[in-house]
Each structure stands twice: as C-alpha cells, then as structure tokens.
Amino acid sequence: MELIYKCPECQKIIDYLEVTSLDEVELGFNILTEREKEDIIKKEADSIYVNVTCDECEKEYEWDELIYRQQLH
C-alpha cells in the first residue's frame, strides 16, 4: 500500500511511503481528531493520500495573508 503526501493546493506529491499497514500511532495520526483525519486523509484503492501543504504554497499563503492584513489597515 502507498502512503502519499500531497499538497491540496497545487496537487504536488511531497513524499510517499510503501507501508504494509496503516499504523496510526507509528505515523503520528493518533494525535488527530476524527474530524481532522476526515479532512486530511483520503483512502483510494491501494493508496492513502495525506493532505499536507507544501513549502511553496505555505509561503504563498503567508504572502497572501500579509497582503490581506495590510489592506485592512
């Protein structure tokens, strides 16, 4: 099974792992609420997609947020 980390903004594949089972504790998913898991983890056939914003989109968001805040003042 593939565990694929993908940016939900630009759809870029950030990383992927081959896993034999989905161990939530080992992958750190156990700290998420059920709602958070529903929001970021999608299962399709033999693949599990985890939405994680990439560095480029995070920087873009920070710029957009900064510009937005400056426009409010």
N, C-alpha and C. Protein backbone atom coordinates (compact mmCIF):
# COMPACT_ATOMS: atom_id res chain seq x y z
N MET A 1 0.84 -1.16 0.00
CA MET A 1 0.00 0.00 0.00
C MET A 1 0.89 1.24 0.00
N GLU A 2 0.46 2.26 -0.76
CA GLU A 2 1.22 3.50 -0.82
C GLU A 2 0.59 4.54 0.10
N LEU A 3 1.42 5.24 0.82
CA LEU A 3 1.02 6.38 1.63
C LEU A 3 1.62 7.60 0.94
N ILE A 4 0.75 8.44 0.38
CA ILE A 4 1.20 9.54 -0.46
C ILE A 4 0.86 10.86 0.21
N TYR A 5 1.88 11.68 0.43
CA TYR A 5 1.70 13.01 0.99
C TYR A 5 1.60 13.98 -0.18
N LYS A 6 0.44 14.66 -0.27
CA LYS A 6 0.16 15.51 -1.42
C LYS A 6 -0.33 16.88 -0.95
N CYS A 7 0.09 17.93 -1.65
CA CYS A 7 -0.36 19.28 -1.33
C CYS A 7 -1.77 19.47 -1.89
N PRO A 8 -2.73 19.84 -1.05
CA PRO A 8 -4.09 20.03 -1.54
C PRO A 8 -4.24 21.30 -2.39
N GLU A 9 -3.29 22.20 -2.31
CA GLU A 9 -3.37 23.45 -3.07
C GLU A 9 -2.88 23.28 -4.51
N CYS A 10 -1.66 22.77 -4.67
CA CYS A 10 -1.06 22.66 -6.01
C CYS A 10 -1.04 21.22 -6.54
N GLN A 11 -1.46 20.26 -5.71
CA GLN A 11 -1.52 18.84 -6.07
C GLN A 11 -0.14 18.18 -6.22
N LYS A 12 0.92 18.86 -5.79
CA LYS A 12 2.28 18.32 -5.87
C LYS A 12 2.43 17.15 -4.89
N ILE A 13 3.08 16.09 -5.34
CA ILE A 13 3.40 14.96 -4.46
C ILE A 13 4.63 15.36 -3.66
N ILE A 14 4.49 15.41 -2.35
CA ILE A 14 5.58 15.83 -1.47
C ILE A 14 6.47 14.65 -1.13
N ASP A 15 5.85 13.51 -0.84
CA ASP A 15 6.60 12.31 -0.49
C ASP A 15 5.66 11.11 -0.54
N TYR A 16 6.23 9.92 -0.57
CA TYR A 16 5.40 8.73 -0.49
C TYR A 16 6.17 7.61 0.20
N LEU A 17 5.42 6.73 0.82
CA LEU A 17 6.00 5.59 1.52
C LEU A 17 5.27 4.33 1.10
N GLU A 18 5.96 3.25 1.07
CA GLU A 18 5.34 1.94 0.91
C GLU A 18 5.12 1.39 2.31
N VAL A 19 3.88 1.10 2.69
CA VAL A 19 3.58 0.57 4.01
C VAL A 19 2.77 -0.71 3.86
N THR A 20 2.94 -1.60 4.82
CA THR A 20 2.17 -2.84 4.78
C THR A 20 0.83 -2.70 5.48
N SER A 21 0.77 -1.78 6.44
CA SER A 21 -0.49 -1.50 7.12
C SER A 21 -0.49 -0.06 7.61
N LEU A 22 -1.66 0.45 7.92
CA LEU A 22 -1.77 1.82 8.40
C LEU A 22 -1.74 1.82 9.91
N ASP A 23 -0.55 2.05 10.47
CA ASP A 23 -0.38 2.11 11.92
C ASP A 23 -0.45 3.58 12.33
N GLU A 24 -1.61 4.00 12.83
CA GLU A 24 -1.84 5.40 13.16
C GLU A 24 -0.85 5.94 14.19
N VAL A 25 -0.47 5.13 15.15
CA VAL A 25 0.48 5.58 16.18
C VAL A 25 1.85 5.80 15.55
N GLU A 26 2.31 4.85 14.77
CA GLU A 26 3.62 4.94 14.14
C GLU A 26 3.71 6.13 13.19
N LEU A 27 2.60 6.43 12.49
CA LEU A 27 2.58 7.54 11.53
C LEU A 27 2.22 8.88 12.16
N GLY A 28 1.84 8.85 13.44
CA GLY A 28 1.50 10.08 14.15
C GLY A 28 0.07 10.54 13.95
N PHE A 29 -0.77 9.73 13.31
CA PHE A 29 -2.15 10.10 13.06
C PHE A 29 -3.02 9.98 14.31
N ASN A 30 -2.53 9.31 15.32
CA ASN A 30 -3.31 9.10 16.55
C ASN A 30 -3.57 10.40 17.31
N ILE A 31 -2.79 11.44 17.04
CA ILE A 31 -2.99 12.72 17.74
C ILE A 31 -4.07 13.57 17.07
N LEU A 32 -4.54 13.15 15.91
CA LEU A 32 -5.57 13.88 15.19
C LEU A 32 -6.96 13.48 15.68
N THR A 33 -7.88 14.43 15.63
CA THR A 33 -9.27 14.10 15.93
C THR A 33 -9.86 13.37 14.73
N GLU A 34 -11.01 12.77 14.91
CA GLU A 34 -11.66 12.08 13.80
C GLU A 34 -11.97 13.06 12.68
N ARG A 35 -12.39 14.25 13.01
CA ARG A 35 -12.70 15.29 12.03
C ARG A 35 -11.45 15.67 11.24
N GLU A 36 -10.32 15.84 11.93
CA GLU A 36 -9.06 16.17 11.26
C GLU A 36 -8.64 15.05 10.33
N LYS A 37 -8.80 13.82 10.77
CA LYS A 37 -8.47 12.67 9.91
C LYS A 37 -9.32 12.68 8.66
N GLU A 38 -10.62 12.95 8.80
CA GLU A 38 -11.51 13.01 7.64
C GLU A 38 -11.08 14.10 6.68
N ASP A 39 -10.59 15.22 7.22
CA ASP A 39 -10.19 16.35 6.40
C ASP A 39 -8.90 16.11 5.63
N ILE A 40 -7.96 15.39 6.20
CA ILE A 40 -6.65 15.30 5.55
C ILE A 40 -6.29 13.92 5.00
N ILE A 41 -6.98 12.86 5.41
CA ILE A 41 -6.62 11.51 4.96
C ILE A 41 -7.72 10.97 4.05
N LYS A 42 -7.34 10.59 2.83
CA LYS A 42 -8.28 10.03 1.86
C LYS A 42 -7.76 8.67 1.41
N LYS A 43 -8.64 7.66 1.45
CA LYS A 43 -8.24 6.32 1.03
C LYS A 43 -8.86 6.03 -0.34
N GLU A 44 -8.00 5.54 -1.24
CA GLU A 44 -8.42 5.16 -2.58
C GLU A 44 -7.71 3.87 -2.97
N ALA A 45 -8.46 2.83 -3.20
CA ALA A 45 -7.91 1.53 -3.61
C ALA A 45 -6.72 1.14 -2.74
N ASP A 46 -5.52 1.03 -3.33
CA ASP A 46 -4.32 0.65 -2.59
C ASP A 46 -3.47 1.84 -2.18
N SER A 47 -4.07 3.03 -2.18
CA SER A 47 -3.32 4.24 -1.84
C SER A 47 -4.05 5.03 -0.76
N ILE A 48 -3.26 5.65 0.08
CA ILE A 48 -3.80 6.56 1.10
C ILE A 48 -3.13 7.90 0.86
N TYR A 49 -3.96 8.94 0.67
CA TYR A 49 -3.46 10.28 0.43
C TYR A 49 -3.58 11.10 1.70
N VAL A 50 -2.50 11.78 2.04
CA VAL A 50 -2.48 12.66 3.21
C VAL A 50 -2.22 14.07 2.70
N ASN A 51 -3.19 14.96 2.94
CA ASN A 51 -3.04 16.34 2.50
C ASN A 51 -2.14 17.10 3.46
N VAL A 52 -1.03 17.61 2.90
CA VAL A 52 -0.07 18.41 3.66
C VAL A 52 0.35 19.56 2.73
N THR A 53 0.20 20.78 3.19
CA THR A 53 0.56 21.93 2.37
C THR A 53 2.07 21.98 2.18
N CYS A 54 2.49 22.10 0.91
CA CYS A 54 3.93 22.14 0.61
C CYS A 54 4.51 23.49 1.01
N ASP A 55 5.82 23.56 1.07
CA ASP A 55 6.52 24.78 1.49
C ASP A 55 6.19 25.96 0.58
N GLU A 56 6.14 25.72 -0.74
CA GLU A 56 5.87 26.80 -1.68
C GLU A 56 4.48 27.39 -1.47
N CYS A 57 3.47 26.54 -1.29
CA CYS A 57 2.11 27.02 -1.08
C CYS A 57 1.97 27.67 0.29
N GLU A 58 2.70 27.18 1.26
CA GLU A 58 2.69 27.79 2.59
C GLU A 58 3.24 29.21 2.51
N LYS A 59 4.33 29.39 1.77
CA LYS A 59 4.91 30.72 1.60
C LYS A 59 3.93 31.63 0.87
N GLU A 60 3.28 31.09 -0.15
CA GLU A 60 2.27 31.85 -0.91
C GLU A 60 1.14 32.29 0.01
N TYR A 61 0.70 31.39 0.86
CA TYR A 61 -0.36 31.70 1.80
C TYR A 61 0.07 32.80 2.76
N GLU A 62 1.30 32.72 3.24
CA GLU A 62 1.81 33.73 4.15
C GLU A 62 1.83 35.10 3.48
N TRP A 63 2.23 35.15 2.21
CA TRP A 63 2.24 36.42 1.48
C TRP A 63 0.83 36.93 1.28
N ASP A 64 -0.09 36.04 0.89
CA ASP A 64 -1.49 36.43 0.70
C ASP A 64 -2.08 36.97 1.98
N GLU A 65 -1.78 36.31 3.09
CA GLU A 65 -2.29 36.73 4.39
C GLU A 65 -1.72 38.09 4.77
N LEU A 66 -0.43 38.28 4.54
CA LEU A 66 0.22 39.55 4.85
C LEU A 66 -0.39 40.69 4.03
N ILE A 67 -0.57 40.47 2.75
CA ILE A 67 -1.15 41.48 1.88
C ILE A 67 -2.57 41.79 2.30
N TYR A 68 -3.34 40.77 2.63
CA TYR A 68 -4.71 40.95 3.08
C TYR A 68 -4.76 41.81 4.35
N ARG A 69 -3.90 41.49 5.30
CA ARG A 69 -3.87 42.25 6.55
C ARG A 69 -3.47 43.71 6.31
N GLN A 70 -2.53 43.94 5.41
CA GLN A 70 -2.11 45.30 5.12
C GLN A 70 -3.23 46.09 4.45
N GLN A 71 -4.05 45.42 3.65
CA GLN A 71 -5.16 46.09 3.00
C GLN A 71 -6.23 46.49 3.99
N LEU A 72 -6.33 45.78 5.11
CA LEU A 72 -7.33 46.09 6.11
C LEU A 72 -6.96 47.33 6.90
N HIS A 73 -5.69 47.67 6.96
CA HIS A 73 -5.26 48.82 7.78
C HIS A 73 -5.33 50.09 7.01
